[in-house]
C-alpha atoms as a PDB file:
ATOM      1  CA  MET A   1      97.164  33.424 252.404  1.00  0.00           C
ATOM      2  CA  GLY A   2      98.909  36.104 254.522  1.00  0.00           C
ATOM      3  CA  LYS A   3     101.657  38.197 253.132  1.00  0.00           C
ATOM      4  CA  LYS A   4     104.463  36.791 255.299  1.00  0.00           C
ATOM      5  CA  ARG A   5     103.528  33.320 254.497  1.00  0.00           C
ATOM      6  CA  SER A   6     103.435  34.054 250.785  1.00  0.00           C
ATOM      7  CA  TRP A   7     106.918  35.613 250.930  1.00  0.00           C
ATOM      8  CA  VAL A   8     108.303  32.612 252.855  1.00  0.00           C
ATOM      9  CA  ILE A   9     106.861  30.250 250.089  1.00  0.00           C
ATOM     10  CA  ILE A  10     108.232  32.309 247.421  1.00  0.00           C
ATOM     11  CA  LEU A  11     111.733  32.297 249.096  1.00  0.00           C
ATOM     12  CA  ILE A  12     111.580  28.505 249.442  1.00  0.00           C
ATOM     13  CA  VAL A  13     110.678  28.027 245.729  1.00  0.00           C
ATOM     14  CA  TRP A  14     113.597  30.297 244.680  1.00  0.00           C
ATOM     15  CA  VAL A  15     116.047  28.645 246.897  1.00  0.00           C
ATOM     16  CA  LEU A  16     115.098  25.085 245.801  1.00  0.00           C
ATOM     17  CA  ALA A  17     115.434  26.174 242.056  1.00  0.00           C
ATOM     18  CA  LEU A  18     118.706  27.787 242.563  1.00  0.00           C
ATOM     19  CA  LEU A  19     119.920  24.801 244.677  1.00  0.00           C
ATOM     20  CA  LEU A  20     118.929  22.374 241.816  1.00  0.00           C
ATOM     21  CA  LEU A  21     120.825  24.602 239.258  1.00  0.00           C
ATOM     22  CA  LEU A  22     124.000  24.718 241.363  1.00  0.00           C
ATOM     23  CA  VAL A  23     124.055  21.035 242.163  1.00  0.00           C
ATOM     24  CA  SER A  24     123.313  20.020 238.606  1.00  0.00           C
ATOM     25  CA  ARG A  25     126.174  22.236 237.251  1.00  0.00           C
ATOM     26  CA  MET A  26     128.661  21.196 239.996  1.00  0.00           C
ATOM     27  CA  SER A  27     127.891  17.412 239.284  1.00  0.00           C
ATOM     28  CA  GLY A  28     127.317  15.958 235.946  1.00  0.00           C
ATOM     29  CA  GLY A  29     126.815  12.643 237.679  1.00  0.00           C
ATOM     30  CA  PHE A  30     123.931  13.986 239.524  1.00  0.00           C
ATOM     31  CA  ALA A  31     122.334  15.338 236.439  1.00  0.00           C
ATOM     32  CA  SER A  32     122.879  12.018 234.511  1.00  0.00           C
ATOM     33  CA  TRP A  33     121.185  10.098 237.442  1.00  0.00           C
ATOM     34  CA  TYR A  34     118.359  12.565 237.531  1.00  0.00           C
ATOM     35  CA  ALA A  35     117.708  12.348 233.727  1.00  0.00           C
ATOM     36  CA  ARG A  36     117.780   8.497 233.845  1.00  0.00           C
ATOM     37  CA  VAL A  37     115.958   7.903 237.179  1.00  0.00           C
ATOM     38  CA  ILE A  38     113.849  10.776 238.299  1.00  0.00           C
ATOM     39  CA  TYR A  39     112.946  12.598 235.061  1.00  0.00           C
ATOM     40  CA  PRO A  40     111.140   9.610 233.419  1.00  0.00           C
ATOM     41  CA  LEU A  41     108.814   9.476 236.404  1.00  0.00           C
ATOM     42  CA  PHE A  42     107.270  13.016 235.214  1.00  0.00           C
ATOM     43  CA  VAL A  43     107.317  11.864 231.656  1.00  0.00           C
ATOM     44  CA  ASN A  44     105.179   8.859 232.623  1.00  0.00           C
ATOM     45  CA  THR A  45     102.881  10.888 234.817  1.00  0.00           C
ATOM     46  CA  VAL A  46     102.610  14.537 233.736  1.00  0.00           C
ATOM     47  CA  GLY A  47     103.584  13.551 230.003  1.00  0.00           C
ATOM     48  CA  ARG A  48     100.918  10.828 229.902  1.00  0.00           C
ATOM     49  CA  LEU A  49      98.289  13.135 231.563  1.00  0.00           C
ATOM     50  CA  MET A  50      98.999  15.988 229.081  1.00  0.00           C
ATOM     51  CA  GLY A  51      98.918  13.584 226.242  1.00  0.00           C
ATOM     52  CA  ILE A  52      95.189  12.901 226.830  1.00  0.00           C
ATOM     53  CA  PHE A  53      94.370  16.324 225.493  1.00  0.00           C
ATOM     54  CA  PRO A  54      94.478  16.676 221.614  1.00  0.00           C
ATOM     55  CA  PHE A  55      95.635  20.332 221.848  1.00  0.00           C
ATOM     56  CA  SER A  56      98.861  21.966 223.258  1.00  0.00           C
ATOM     57  CA  VAL A  57      98.068  22.557 226.976  1.00  0.00           C
ATOM     58  CA  VAL A  58     101.011  24.858 227.350  1.00  0.00           C
ATOM     59  CA  GLU A  59      99.880  27.072 224.576  1.00  0.00           C
ATOM     60  CA  PHE A  60      96.499  27.614 226.090  1.00  0.00           C
ATOM     61  CA  CYS A  61      98.037  27.995 229.607  1.00  0.00           C
ATOM     62  CA  LEU A  62     100.214  30.835 228.106  1.00  0.00           C
ATOM     63  CA  TYR A  63      97.160  32.570 226.792  1.00  0.00           C
ATOM     64  CA  GLY A  64      95.494  32.239 230.139  1.00  0.00           C
ATOM     65  CA  LEU A  65      98.480  33.459 231.952  1.00  0.00           C
ATOM     66  CA  LEU A  66      98.698  36.667 229.776  1.00  0.00           C
ATOM     67  CA  LEU A  67      94.919  37.216 230.347  1.00  0.00           C
ATOM     68  CA  PHE A  68      95.517  36.686 234.093  1.00  0.00           C
ATOM     69  CA  LEU A  69      98.253  39.199 234.104  1.00  0.00           C
ATOM     70  CA  MET A  70      96.295  41.811 232.257  1.00  0.00           C
ATOM     71  CA  VAL A  71      93.442  41.413 234.599  1.00  0.00           C
ATOM     72  CA  CYS A  72      95.722  41.852 237.484  1.00  0.00           C
ATOM     73  CA  VAL A  73      97.152  45.122 236.042  1.00  0.00           C
ATOM     74  CA  VAL A  74      93.699  46.500 235.442  1.00  0.00           C
ATOM     75  CA  ARG A  75      92.537  45.542 238.996  1.00  0.00           C
ATOM     76  CA  GLY A  76      95.614  47.045 240.478  1.00  0.00           C
ATOM     77  CA  LEU A  77      95.286  50.295 238.700  1.00  0.00           C
ATOM     78  CA  ALA A  78      91.632  50.482 239.596  1.00  0.00           C
ATOM     79  CA  ARG A  79      92.478  50.007 243.319  1.00  0.00           C
ATOM     80  CA  LEU A  80      95.230  52.515 243.114  1.00  0.00           C
ATOM     81  CA  ILE A  81      93.062  55.133 241.366  1.00  0.00           C
ATOM     82  CA  ARG A  82      90.210  54.611 244.124  1.00  0.00           C
ATOM     83  CA  ASN A  83      92.903  54.771 246.853  1.00  0.00           C
ATOM     84  CA  PHE A  84      92.171  51.293 247.975  1.00  0.00           C
ATOM     85  CA  TRP A  85      95.821  50.691 247.847  1.00  0.00           C
ATOM     86  CA  SER A  86      98.867  52.975 248.399  1.00  0.00           C
ATOM     87  CA  ARG A  87     101.559  53.118 245.749  1.00  0.00           C
ATOM     88  CA  ARG A  88     103.782  50.979 248.042  1.00  0.00           C
ATOM     89  CA  ASP A  89     101.059  48.437 248.505  1.00  0.00           C
ATOM     90  CA  CYS A  90     100.582  48.226 244.714  1.00  0.00           C
ATOM     91  CA  VAL A  91     104.226  47.852 244.029  1.00  0.00           C
ATOM     92  CA  MET A  92     104.694  45.126 246.654  1.00  0.00           C
ATOM     93  CA  ALA A  93     101.739  43.301 245.460  1.00  0.00           C
ATOM     94  CA  ALA A  94     103.024  43.280 241.793  1.00  0.00           C
ATOM     95  CA  LEU A  95     106.414  42.223 243.084  1.00  0.00           C
ATOM     96  CA  ARG A  96     105.153  39.485 245.083  1.00  0.00           C
ATOM     97  CA  MET A  97     103.000  38.224 242.218  1.00  0.00           C
ATOM     98  CA  LEU A  98     105.785  38.338 239.664  1.00  0.00           C
ATOM     99  CA  LEU A  99     108.378  36.654 241.930  1.00  0.00           C
ATOM    100  CA  GLY A 100     105.960  34.086 242.600  1.00  0.00           C
ATOM    101  CA  ILE A 101     105.031  33.294 239.017  1.00  0.00           C
ATOM    102  CA  PHE A 102     108.605  33.407 237.834  1.00  0.00           C
ATOM    103  CA  GLY A 103     109.831  31.460 240.785  1.00  0.00           C
ATOM    104  CA  GLY A 104     107.297  28.694 240.000  1.00  0.00           C
ATOM    105  CA  LEU A 105     108.414  28.631 236.395  1.00  0.00           C
ATOM    106  CA  PHE A 106     111.961  28.549 237.372  1.00  0.00           C
ATOM    107  CA  LEU A 107     111.449  25.571 239.614  1.00  0.00           C
ATOM    108  CA  GLY A 108     109.285  23.724 237.168  1.00  0.00           C
ATOM    109  CA  PHE A 109     111.750  24.205 234.511  1.00  0.00           C
ATOM    110  CA  MET A 110     114.634  22.832 236.442  1.00  0.00           C
ATOM    111  CA  LEU A 111     112.635  19.824 237.661  1.00  0.00           C
ATOM    112  CA  PHE A 112     111.293  19.031 234.156  1.00  0.00           C
ATOM    113  CA  GLY A 113     114.171  19.876 231.870  1.00  0.00           C
ATOM    114  CA  GLY A 114     116.784  22.287 233.197  1.00  0.00           C
ATOM    115  CA  ILE A 115     118.867  19.644 235.166  1.00  0.00           C
ATOM    116  CA  ASN A 116     119.058  17.460 231.994  1.00  0.00           C
ATOM    117  CA  TYR A 117     121.166  20.091 230.231  1.00  0.00           C
ATOM    118  CA  GLN A 118     123.961  18.923 232.372  1.00  0.00           C
ATOM    119  CA  ARG A 119     123.690  15.187 231.890  1.00  0.00           C
ATOM    120  CA  GLU A 120     126.102  13.010 229.959  1.00  0.00           C
ATOM    121  CA  THR A 121     125.970  13.656 226.113  1.00  0.00           C
ATOM    122  CA  ILE A 122     124.508  11.339 223.698  1.00  0.00           C
ATOM    123  CA  SER A 123     127.848  10.396 222.297  1.00  0.00           C
ATOM    124  CA  GLU A 124     129.051   9.472 225.747  1.00  0.00           C
ATOM    125  CA  ALA A 125     125.788   7.548 226.398  1.00  0.00           C
ATOM    126  CA  ILE A 126     125.906   5.508 223.243  1.00  0.00           C
ATOM    127  CA  GLY A 127     129.752   5.166 222.861  1.00  0.00           C
ATOM    128  CA  LEU A 128     130.417   7.471 219.905  1.00  0.00           C
ATOM    129  CA  THR A 129     133.860   8.983 219.429  1.00  0.00           C
ATOM    130  CA  VAL A 130     133.377  12.615 218.300  1.00  0.00           C
ATOM    131  CA  ALA A 131     136.473  14.301 216.803  1.00  0.00           C
ATOM    132  CA  ALA A 132     137.540  17.039 214.412  1.00  0.00           C
ATOM    133  CA  TYR A 133     136.791  16.230 210.797  1.00  0.00           C
ATOM    134  CA  SER A 134     138.500  16.947 207.600  1.00  0.00           C
ATOM    135  CA  LYS A 135     136.971  18.479 204.439  1.00  0.00           C
ATOM    136  CA  GLU A 136     137.270  15.181 202.691  1.00  0.00           C
ATOM    137  CA  GLU A 137     135.265  13.474 205.445  1.00  0.00           C
ATOM    138  CA  LEU A 138     132.628  16.246 205.125  1.00  0.00           C
ATOM    139  CA  GLU A 139     132.447  15.896 201.370  1.00  0.00           C
ATOM    140  CA  GLN A 140     131.839  12.025 201.716  1.00  0.00           C
ATOM    141  CA  LEU A 141     129.074  12.745 204.249  1.00  0.00           C
ATOM    142  CA  CYS A 142     127.424  15.194 201.900  1.00  0.00           C
ATOM    143  CA  LEU A 143     127.682  12.750 198.967  1.00  0.00           C
ATOM    144  CA  ALA A 144     126.116   9.934 201.182  1.00  0.00           C
ATOM    145  CA  MET A 145     123.274  12.230 202.055  1.00  0.00           C
ATOM    146  CA  VAL A 146     122.629  13.169 198.507  1.00  0.00           C
ATOM    147  CA  GLU A 147     122.679   9.575 197.334  1.00  0.00           C
ATOM    148  CA  ALA A 148     120.181   8.674 200.303  1.00  0.00           C
ATOM    149  CA  VAL A 149     117.916  11.721 199.503  1.00  0.00           C
ATOM    150  CA  ASN A 150     117.705  10.865 195.847  1.00  0.00           C
ATOM    151  CA  ARG A 151     116.966   7.177 196.571  1.00  0.00           C
ATOM    152  CA  GLU A 152     114.212   8.031 199.097  1.00  0.00           C
ATOM    153  CA  ALA A 153     112.860  10.747 196.912  1.00  0.00           C
ATOM    154  CA  ALA A 154     111.807   8.103 194.250  1.00  0.00           C
ATOM    155  CA  GLU A 155     109.592   6.439 197.033  1.00  0.00           C
ATOM    156  CA  ILE A 156     107.625   9.374 198.447  1.00  0.00           C
ATOM    157  CA  GLN A 157     104.419  11.141 197.346  1.00  0.00           C
ATOM    158  CA  VAL A 158     104.781  14.586 195.866  1.00  0.00           C
ATOM    159  CA  ASP A 159     102.234  17.337 195.460  1.00  0.00           C
ATOM    160  CA  GLY A 160     101.174  19.158 192.446  1.00  0.00           C
ATOM    161  CA  ASP A 161     104.256  21.398 192.719  1.00  0.00           C
ATOM    162  CA  GLY A 162     106.701  18.359 192.865  1.00  0.00           C
ATOM    163  CA  ARG A 163     107.484  18.940 196.518  1.00  0.00           C
ATOM    164  CA  CYS A 164     107.391  16.218 199.287  1.00  0.00           C
ATOM    165  CA  GLU A 165     103.790  15.566 200.479  1.00  0.00           C
ATOM    166  CA  LEU A 166     102.972  13.799 203.731  1.00  0.00           C
ATOM    167  CA  SER A 167     100.179  11.402 204.067  1.00  0.00           C
ATOM    168  CA  GLY A 168      98.619   9.699 207.091  1.00  0.00           C
ATOM    169  CA  ALA A 169      99.053  10.371 210.648  1.00  0.00           C
ATOM    170  CA  VAL A 170     102.476  11.817 210.807  1.00  0.00           C
ATOM    171  CA  GLN A 171     102.307  12.363 214.673  1.00  0.00           C
ATOM    172  CA  GLU A 172     101.731   8.560 215.109  1.00  0.00           C
ATOM    173  CA  THR A 173     104.560   7.795 212.518  1.00  0.00           C
ATOM    174  CA  ALA A 174     106.987   9.979 214.521  1.00  0.00           C
ATOM    175  CA  VAL A 175     106.155   8.146 217.823  1.00  0.00           C
ATOM    176  CA  ASP A 176     106.693   4.840 215.926  1.00  0.00           C
ATOM    177  CA  ALA A 177     110.082   6.074 214.583  1.00  0.00           C
ATOM    178  CA  MET A 178     111.146   6.960 218.184  1.00  0.00           C
ATOM    179  CA  GLU A 179     109.874   3.651 219.490  1.00  0.00           C
ATOM    180  CA  VAL A 180     111.918   1.740 216.858  1.00  0.00           C
ATOM    181  CA  LEU A 181     115.024   3.724 217.830  1.00  0.00           C
ATOM    182  CA  GLY A 182     114.195   3.058 221.519  1.00  0.00           C
ATOM    183  CA  GLY A 183     114.489  -0.621 220.740  1.00  0.00           C
ATOM    184  CA  GLU A 184     117.998  -0.092 219.704  1.00  0.00           C
ATOM    185  CA  TYR A 185     119.020   2.252 222.436  1.00  0.00           C
ATOM    186  CA  GLU A 186     117.560   1.522 225.779  1.00  0.00           C
ATOM    187  CA  LEU A 187     118.087   5.065 227.041  1.00  0.00           C
ATOM    188  CA  LEU A 188     115.700   6.215 224.380  1.00  0.00           C
ATOM    189  CA  ALA A 189     112.935   3.540 225.032  1.00  0.00           C
ATOM    190  CA  GLY A 190     109.752   4.162 226.891  1.00  0.00           C
ATOM    191  CA  PHE A 191     106.638   6.291 226.511  1.00  0.00           C
ATOM    192  CA  TYR A 192     106.239   8.988 223.700  1.00  0.00           C
ATOM    193  CA  PRO A 193     103.138  11.185 223.443  1.00  0.00           C
ATOM    194  CA  GLU A 194     101.981  12.265 220.186  1.00  0.00           C
ATOM    195  CA  PRO A 195     103.391  15.806 219.079  1.00  0.00           C
ATOM    196  CA  LYS A 196     100.936  18.490 219.044  1.00  0.00           C
ATOM    197  CA  PRO A 197     100.487  21.300 216.651  1.00  0.00           C
ATOM    198  CA  ILE A 198     100.578  24.947 217.974  1.00  0.00           C
ATOM    199  CA  TRP A 199      97.064  26.415 217.178  1.00  0.00           C
ATOM    200  CA  ILE A 200      98.327  29.812 216.460  1.00  0.00           C
ATOM    201  CA  SER A 201     101.538  28.689 214.513  1.00  0.00           C
ATOM    202  CA  ASP A 202     102.341  32.114 213.218  1.00  0.00           C
ATOM    203  CA  ILE A 203     103.729  32.965 216.575  1.00  0.00           C
ATOM    204  CA  LEU A 204     106.433  30.256 215.874  1.00  0.00           C
ATOM    205  CA  SER A 205     106.872  31.232 212.140  1.00  0.00           C
ATOM    206  CA  TYR A 206     107.673  34.915 212.925  1.00  0.00           C
ATOM    207  CA  GLN A 207     110.213  33.659 215.448  1.00  0.00           C
ATOM    208  CA  GLN A 208     111.394  31.281 212.760  1.00  0.00           C
ATOM    209  CA  ILE A 209     110.959  28.249 215.047  1.00  0.00           C
ATOM    210  CA  SER A 210     110.013  24.903 213.691  1.00  0.00           C
ATOM    211  CA  GLY A 211     109.001  23.267 216.984  1.00  0.00           C
ATOM    212  CA  ILE A 212     109.210  23.787 220.689  1.00  0.00           C
ATOM    213  CA  TYR A 213     109.317  21.377 223.786  1.00  0.00           C
ATOM    214  CA  SER A 214     107.479  22.464 226.857  1.00  0.00           C
ATOM    215  CA  PRO A 215     109.172  21.137 229.912  1.00  0.00           C
ATOM    216  CA  PHE A 216     106.332  22.500 232.024  1.00  0.00           C
ATOM    217  CA  SER A 217     103.619  20.262 230.503  1.00  0.00           C
ATOM    218  CA  ILE A 218     106.237  17.775 229.050  1.00  0.00           C
ATOM    219  CA  GLU A 219     104.705  18.264 225.476  1.00  0.00           C
ATOM    220  CA  ALA A 220     106.282  18.132 221.993  1.00  0.00           C
ATOM    221  CA  ASN A 221     104.826  21.093 220.169  1.00  0.00           C
ATOM    222  CA  TYR A 222     105.444  21.908 216.503  1.00  0.00           C
ATOM    223  CA  ASN A 223     104.727  24.652 213.890  1.00  0.00           C
ATOM    224  CA  ARG A 224     102.031  23.098 211.713  1.00  0.00           C
ATOM    225  CA  ASP A 225     102.769  25.686 208.874  1.00  0.00           C
ATOM    226  CA  ILE A 226     106.373  24.604 208.126  1.00  0.00           C
ATOM    227  CA  PRO A 227     107.272  22.840 204.784  1.00  0.00           C
ATOM    228  CA  ALA A 228     106.488  19.094 204.719  1.00  0.00           C
ATOM    229  CA  ALA A 229     109.899  18.004 204.074  1.00  0.00           C
ATOM    230  CA  GLU A 230     110.978  19.448 207.565  1.00  0.00           C
ATOM    231  CA  LEU A 231     108.107  18.294 209.503  1.00  0.00           C
ATOM    232  CA  PRO A 232     109.137  14.612 210.136  1.00  0.00           C
ATOM    233  CA  LEU A 233     112.607  15.502 211.510  1.00  0.00           C
ATOM    234  CA  THR A 234     111.057  18.495 213.588  1.00  0.00           C
ATOM    235  CA  LEU A 235     108.508  16.047 215.194  1.00  0.00           C
ATOM    236  CA  CYS A 236     111.225  13.525 216.219  1.00  0.00           C
ATOM    237  CA  HIS A 237     113.450  16.315 217.419  1.00  0.00           C
ATOM    238  CA  GLU A 238     110.857  17.594 219.861  1.00  0.00           C
ATOM    239  CA  LEU A 239     110.197  14.018 221.018  1.00  0.00           C
ATOM    240  CA  SER A 240     113.741  13.329 221.767  1.00  0.00           C
ATOM    241  CA  HIS A 241     113.776  15.917 224.468  1.00  0.00           C
ATOM    242  CA  LEU A 242     111.361  13.618 226.443  1.00  0.00           C
ATOM    243  CA  LYS A 243     114.374  11.339 226.979  1.00  0.00           C
ATOM    244  CA  GLY A 244     116.145  13.960 228.714  1.00  0.00           C
ATOM    245  CA  PHE A 245     118.471  15.188 225.841  1.00  0.00           C
ATOM    246  CA  MET A 246     117.818  18.827 225.898  1.00  0.00           C
ATOM    247  CA  ARG A 247     120.841  20.071 223.810  1.00  0.00           C
ATOM    248  CA  GLU A 248     119.939  20.992 220.292  1.00  0.00           C
ATOM    249  CA  ASP A 249     122.571  19.192 218.441  1.00  0.00           C
ATOM    250  CA  GLU A 250     121.810  15.966 220.290  1.00  0.00           C
ATOM    251  CA  ALA A 251     118.070  16.246 219.684  1.00  0.00           C
ATOM    252  CA  ASN A 252     118.766  16.910 215.976  1.00  0.00           C
ATOM    253  CA  PHE A 253     121.059  13.782 215.772  1.00  0.00           C
ATOM    254  CA  ILE A 254     118.510  11.560 217.660  1.00  0.00           C
ATOM    255  CA  ALA A 255     115.756  12.749 215.293  1.00  0.00           C
ATOM    256  CA  TRP A 256     118.047  12.029 212.417  1.00  0.00           C
ATOM    257  CA  LEU A 257     118.583   8.459 213.605  1.00  0.00           C
ATOM    258  CA  ALA A 258     114.846   7.974 214.103  1.00  0.00           C
ATOM    259  CA  CYS A 259     113.907   9.309 210.676  1.00  0.00           C
ATOM    260  CA  ILE A 260     116.480   7.306 208.762  1.00  0.00           C
ATOM    261  CA  GLY A 261     115.465   4.181 210.551  1.00  0.00           C
ATOM    262  CA  SER A 262     111.789   4.813 210.011  1.00  0.00           C
ATOM    263  CA  ASP A 263     109.540   2.529 207.934  1.00  0.00           C
ATOM    264  CA  SER A 264     108.137   5.763 206.343  1.00  0.00           C
ATOM    265  CA  PRO A 265     109.895   6.923 203.114  1.00  0.00           C
ATOM    266  CA  GLU A 266     108.873  10.364 203.867  1.00  0.00           C
ATOM    267  CA  PHE A 267     110.518  10.274 207.305  1.00  0.00           C
ATOM    268  CA  ARG A 268     113.627   8.719 205.760  1.00  0.00           C
ATOM    269  CA  TYR A 269     113.747  11.403 203.033  1.00  0.00           C
ATOM    270  CA  SER A 270     113.237  14.236 205.610  1.00  0.00           C
ATOM    271  CA  GLY A 271     116.078  12.803 207.760  1.00  0.00           C
ATOM    272  CA  TYR A 272     118.464  12.494 204.844  1.00  0.00           C
ATOM    273  CA  LEU A 273     117.570  15.861 203.506  1.00  0.00           C
ATOM    274  CA  MET A 274     118.032  17.702 206.878  1.00  0.00           C
ATOM    275  CA  GLY A 275     121.179  15.781 207.214  1.00  0.00           C
ATOM    276  CA  PHE A 276     122.454  17.013 204.051  1.00  0.00           C
ATOM    277  CA  ILE A 277     121.450  20.658 204.936  1.00  0.00           C
ATOM    278  CA  TYR A 278     123.550  20.586 208.064  1.00  0.00           C
ATOM    279  CA  ALA A 279     126.513  18.847 206.393  1.00  0.00           C
ATOM    280  CA  GLY A 280     126.160  21.102 203.306  1.00  0.00           C
ATOM    281  CA  ASN A 281     126.169  24.181 205.341  1.00  0.00           C
ATOM    282  CA  ALA A 282     129.381  23.139 207.045  1.00  0.00           C
ATOM    283  CA  LEU A 283     130.975  22.297 203.613  1.00  0.00           C
ATOM    284  CA  SER A 284     129.899  25.554 202.163  1.00  0.00           C
ATOM    285  CA  ARG A 285     131.857  27.399 204.844  1.00  0.00           C
ATOM    286  CA  MET A 286     134.900  25.312 203.880  1.00  0.00           C
ATOM    287  CA  ASP A 287     134.495  25.194 200.174  1.00  0.00           C
ATOM    288  CA  ALA A 288     131.424  26.939 198.559  1.00  0.00           C
ATOM    289  CA  ASP A 289     132.305  25.708 195.155  1.00  0.00           C
ATOM    290  CA  ARG A 290     132.549  22.059 196.067  1.00  0.00           C
ATOM    291  CA  TYR A 291     129.176  22.383 198.146  1.00  0.00           C
ATOM    292  CA  ARG A 292     127.505  23.814 194.998  1.00  0.00           C
ATOM    293  CA  GLU A 293     128.790  20.871 192.827  1.00  0.00           C
ATOM    294  CA  ILE A 294     127.375  18.360 195.291  1.00  0.00           C
ATOM    295  CA  ARG A 295     124.151  20.180 195.771  1.00  0.00           C
ATOM    296  CA  ASP A 296     123.491  20.288 191.912  1.00  0.00           C
ATOM    297  CA  THR A 297     123.416  16.453 192.039  1.00  0.00           C
ATOM    298  CA  LEU A 298     120.150  16.466 194.190  1.00  0.00           C
ATOM    299  CA  CYS A 299     117.009  15.308 192.399  1.00  0.00           C
ATOM    300  CA  ASP A 300     114.401  17.835 191.350  1.00  0.00           C
ATOM    301  CA  THR A 301     112.116  16.954 194.279  1.00  0.00           C
ATOM    302  CA  ALA A 302     114.799  17.775 196.709  1.00  0.00           C
ATOM    303  CA  ILE A 303     115.917  20.959 194.943  1.00  0.00           C
ATOM    304  CA  LEU A 304     112.228  22.099 194.984  1.00  0.00           C
ATOM    305  CA  ASP A 305     111.902  21.396 198.669  1.00  0.00           C
ATOM    306  CA  LEU A 306     115.105  23.341 199.560  1.00  0.00           C
ATOM    307  CA  VAL A 307     113.958  26.302 197.446  1.00  0.00           C
ATOM    308  CA  TYR A 308     110.440  26.317 199.018  1.00  0.00           C
ATOM    309  CA  SER A 309     111.948  25.994 202.531  1.00  0.00           C
ATOM    310  CA  SER A 310     114.241  29.051 201.831  1.00  0.00           C
ATOM    311  CA  TRP A 311     111.256  30.968 200.551  1.00  0.00           C
ATOM    312  CA  PHE A 312     108.975  30.067 203.398  1.00  0.00           C
ATOM    313  CA  TRP A 313     111.402  31.090 206.229  1.00  0.00           C
ATOM    314  CA  ARG A 314     112.609  34.232 204.289  1.00  0.00           C
ATOM    315  CA  GLN A 315     109.057  35.697 204.361  1.00  0.00           C
ATOM    316  CA  TYR A 316     109.316  35.790 208.185  1.00  0.00           C
ATOM    317  CA  ASP A 317     112.566  37.715 208.191  1.00  0.00           C
ATOM    318  CA  GLY A 318     112.496  40.787 210.348  1.00  0.00           C
ATOM    319  CA  PRO A 319     112.935  42.434 213.755  1.00  0.00           C
ATOM    320  CA  VAL A 320     110.787  39.704 215.500  1.00  0.00           C
ATOM    321  CA  ALA A 321     112.948  36.958 214.017  1.00  0.00           C
ATOM    322  CA  GLU A 322     116.088  38.719 215.019  1.00  0.00           C
ATOM    323  CA  VAL A 323     114.966  39.238 218.598  1.00  0.00           C
ATOM    324  CA  ALA A 324     113.798  35.666 218.949  1.00  0.00           C
ATOM    325  CA  THR A 325     117.146  34.342 217.521  1.00  0.00           C
ATOM    326  CA  GLN A 326     118.981  36.618 220.122  1.00  0.00           C
ATOM    327  CA  ILE A 327     116.747  35.279 222.923  1.00  0.00           C
ATOM    328  CA  ASN A 328     117.219  31.705 221.841  1.00  0.00           C
ATOM    329  CA  ASP A 329     121.010  32.295 221.722  1.00  0.00           C
ATOM    330  CA  THR A 330     121.092  33.736 225.147  1.00  0.00           C
ATOM    331  CA  TYR A 331     118.973  30.898 226.513  1.00  0.00           C
ATOM    332  CA  LEU A 332     121.244  28.184 225.024  1.00  0.00           C
ATOM    333  CA  LYS A 333     124.363  29.751 226.265  1.00  0.00           C
ATOM    334  CA  ALA A 334     122.796  30.152 229.746  1.00  0.00           C
ATOM    335  CA  ASN A 335     122.162  26.311 229.608  1.00  0.00           C
ATOM    336  CA  SER A 336     125.828  25.318 228.877  1.00  0.00           C
ATOM    337  CA  GLN A 337     125.766  25.505 225.090  1.00  0.00           C
ATOM    338  CA  SER A 338     128.509  27.943 224.764  1.00  0.00           C
ATOM    339  CA  ASP A 339     128.033  28.432 221.082  1.00  0.00           C
ATOM    340  CA  GLY A 340     124.430  29.408 221.355  1.00  0.00           C
ATOM    341  CA  VAL A 341     122.330  28.984 218.154  1.00  0.00           C
ATOM    342  CA  GLN A 342     125.433  27.589 216.424  1.00  0.00           C
ATOM    343  CA  SER A 343     125.210  24.438 218.580  1.00  0.00           C
ATOM    344  CA  TYR A 344     122.528  23.146 216.041  1.00  0.00           C
ATOM    345  CA  GLY A 345     125.502  22.606 213.632  1.00  0.00           C
ATOM    346  CA  ARG A 346     127.258  20.186 215.873  1.00  0.00           C
ATOM    347  CA  MET A 347     124.957  17.618 214.592  1.00  0.00           C
ATOM    348  CA  VAL A 348     127.607  17.211 211.754  1.00  0.00           C
ATOM    349  CA  GLU A 349     130.151  15.894 214.243  1.00  0.00           C
ATOM    350  CA  LEU A 350     127.701  13.325 215.528  1.00  0.00           C
ATOM    351  CA  MET A 351     126.665  12.213 212.135  1.00  0.00           C
ATOM    352  CA  LEU A 352     130.260  11.598 211.233  1.00  0.00           C
ATOM    353  CA  ALA A 353     131.033   9.894 214.426  1.00  0.00           C
ATOM    354  CA  TYR A 354     128.147   7.530 213.878  1.00  0.00           C
ATOM    355  CA  ARG A 355     129.052   6.755 210.238  1.00  0.00           C
ATOM    356  CA  SER A 356     132.767   6.019 211.457  1.00  0.00           C
ATOM    357  CA  GLN A 357     131.592   3.290 213.917  1.00  0.00           C
ATOM    358  CA  PRO A 358     133.134  -0.171 213.121  1.00  0.00           C
END
């Protein structure tokens, strides 16, 4: 391909991506239409194709991309040293390659996920009224979550340490839970591929990430090392993105609904326990003493799971986690979630709105 032609293609790709970004931010109606009409076409084609592979395609593509870039750097330096290229030719080749790669990724992101950030919210889509809540309402939510956690804990399997233990094909159970929820809400119905574990999950652990959705391959990926009690909600969270709900609080809420409506007691336990964590964190900021009083009424299994979860993530504290959190915060803010990583906590508002339905 000639240099001029490649520059023209790169320009077209960037213009298309920026145009989609601009139009979606200017018109929520367009974004909602796209999420409901166009985006499912990609899920049912690319998503189904990627679902054939038992491993995370995007993970190995990332490794391949890094290897490709390393080879390009070595080749470029070799040509520069041998005077096959001038410094200007080397710089222009590198610039062309980087603009081409990032332009393609930008356009792919917009087509397969970026536009969906501007769609109508889940509360608007299913008719929930989200409002400010009082401390008393938050207390009642925490108490309800504790009661449900203790009830479900009596039904689940536990390991030798007394913590939640998952059995069976949890990926299939997650898909089943999402399909059941899709039977209740049409906008969540349709095809769901099985979530895939990240092969080198330490990469996610050091970033303190439980799961990640790849818009480029339309895959729900998860950290296979996380505590068992967190896994069911994580799987459903990542699957919820396949229905075009990209905002983290909404994905959490959808996952919570899927888990508490599941036939699996382990999934129900995970959903209610994660619900308590989010509601409890909000109550703790209002009244730490009252939060501790309610927390102390959790059963031994739940307490052990919470202690283990805290220990598991604390061992990955450090500069990598701090940088990853800052990058995630910036990413969320760039995609219209103005409170960044704090947006995860808005799940509490959605749970309260759901519970207040007549």
